[in-house]
């Protein structure tokens, strides 16, 4: 799937900002945890409103986008505006 202009590309984070998923337009993601930037990195595949993650160590996970919210591994992530600090 072409990610360049996909509506899910961008930054998603938990309410407290501790977990941050940056979905990149090239099909890769970068996950930050707290002050640890790039804690996990890997590829993702979007199928409709479903996302499958595979990090560079081989770990897999998935999630679903529902009404503008990403539900992933028991977490709720919301889109963060590109211009905000946190």
Protein backbone atom coordinates (compact mmCIF):
# COMPACT_ATOMS: atom_id res chain seq x y z
CA UNK A 1 0.00 0.00 0.00
CA UNK A 2 1.22 3.50 -0.77
CA UNK A 3 1.67 5.38 2.51
CA UNK A 4 2.82 8.78 1.21
CA UNK A 5 -0.55 10.50 1.56
CA UNK A 6 -2.36 8.00 3.78
CA UNK A 7 -4.48 9.69 6.48
CA UNK A 8 -2.92 7.57 9.27
CA UNK A 9 0.65 8.69 8.53
CA UNK A 10 1.90 10.97 11.30
CA UNK A 11 2.33 10.98 15.06
CA UNK A 12 0.03 9.10 17.45
CA UNK A 13 0.43 9.18 21.23
CA UNK A 14 -1.14 8.06 24.50
CA UNK A 15 -2.99 10.67 26.54
CA UNK A 16 0.00 11.14 28.86
CA UNK A 17 2.41 11.36 25.92
CA UNK A 18 4.52 8.47 27.24
CA UNK A 19 4.09 6.25 24.15
CA UNK A 20 4.49 7.91 20.76
CA UNK A 21 4.19 6.15 17.41
CA UNK A 22 5.42 8.04 14.38
CA UNK A 23 4.03 6.35 11.25
CA UNK A 24 6.35 7.37 8.45
CA UNK A 25 5.23 7.67 4.81
CA UNK A 26 7.74 5.00 3.70
CA UNK A 27 5.99 2.21 5.65
CA UNK A 28 8.28 2.39 8.68
CA UNK A 29 7.50 3.46 12.21
CA UNK A 30 9.46 4.86 15.11
CA UNK A 31 8.16 4.36 18.65
CA UNK A 32 9.29 6.52 21.56
CA UNK A 33 8.70 5.63 25.21
CA UNK A 34 9.03 8.39 27.77
CA UNK A 35 12.37 10.10 27.28
CA UNK A 36 13.68 7.20 25.19
CA UNK A 37 13.36 8.26 21.57
CA UNK A 38 13.45 5.50 18.92
CA UNK A 39 12.87 2.79 21.54
CA UNK A 40 11.46 0.54 18.80
CA UNK A 41 11.57 0.80 15.04
CA UNK A 42 10.23 -1.36 12.25
CA UNK A 43 7.74 -1.67 9.42
CA UNK A 44 3.98 -1.41 9.37
CA UNK A 45 1.28 -2.47 6.93
CA UNK A 46 -2.15 -0.86 6.75
CA UNK A 47 -5.16 -2.86 5.61
CA UNK A 48 -8.21 -0.66 5.76
CA UNK A 49 -8.42 0.45 9.40
CA UNK A 50 -6.10 -2.31 10.67
CA UNK A 51 -2.35 -1.90 11.26
CA UNK A 52 0.23 -4.67 11.59
CA UNK A 53 3.61 -3.83 13.10
CA UNK A 54 6.86 -5.81 12.80
CA UNK A 55 9.80 -4.30 14.62
CA UNK A 56 13.38 -4.75 13.49
CA UNK A 57 13.93 -7.56 16.04
CA UNK A 58 11.00 -9.57 14.61
CA UNK A 59 8.41 -8.77 17.31
CA UNK A 60 4.90 -8.36 15.88
CA UNK A 61 1.85 -6.47 17.12
CA UNK A 62 -1.27 -4.98 15.63
CA UNK A 63 -3.96 -2.42 16.19
CA UNK A 64 -7.08 -0.82 14.79
CA UNK A 65 -8.12 2.73 13.98
CA UNK A 66 -11.66 3.49 15.14
CA UNK A 67 -13.18 6.96 14.84
CA UNK A 68 -9.79 8.69 14.72
CA UNK A 69 -8.28 6.70 17.61
CA UNK A 70 -5.60 3.99 17.39
CA UNK A 71 -6.20 1.02 19.70
CA UNK A 72 -2.95 -0.93 20.05
CA UNK A 73 -1.90 -3.54 22.65
CA UNK A 74 -4.31 -2.24 25.28
CA UNK A 75 -3.28 1.37 24.66
CA UNK A 76 -5.30 4.24 23.23
CA UNK A 77 -3.33 6.59 20.98
CA UNK A 78 -4.63 9.79 19.47
CA UNK A 79 -3.24 11.83 16.64
CA UNK A 80 -0.92 14.61 17.69
CA UNK A 81 -0.66 17.82 15.71
CA UNK A 82 2.66 18.17 13.93
CA UNK A 83 3.22 21.61 15.44
CA UNK A 84 2.72 20.73 19.11
CA UNK A 85 5.58 19.93 21.47
CA UNK A 86 3.86 17.14 23.35
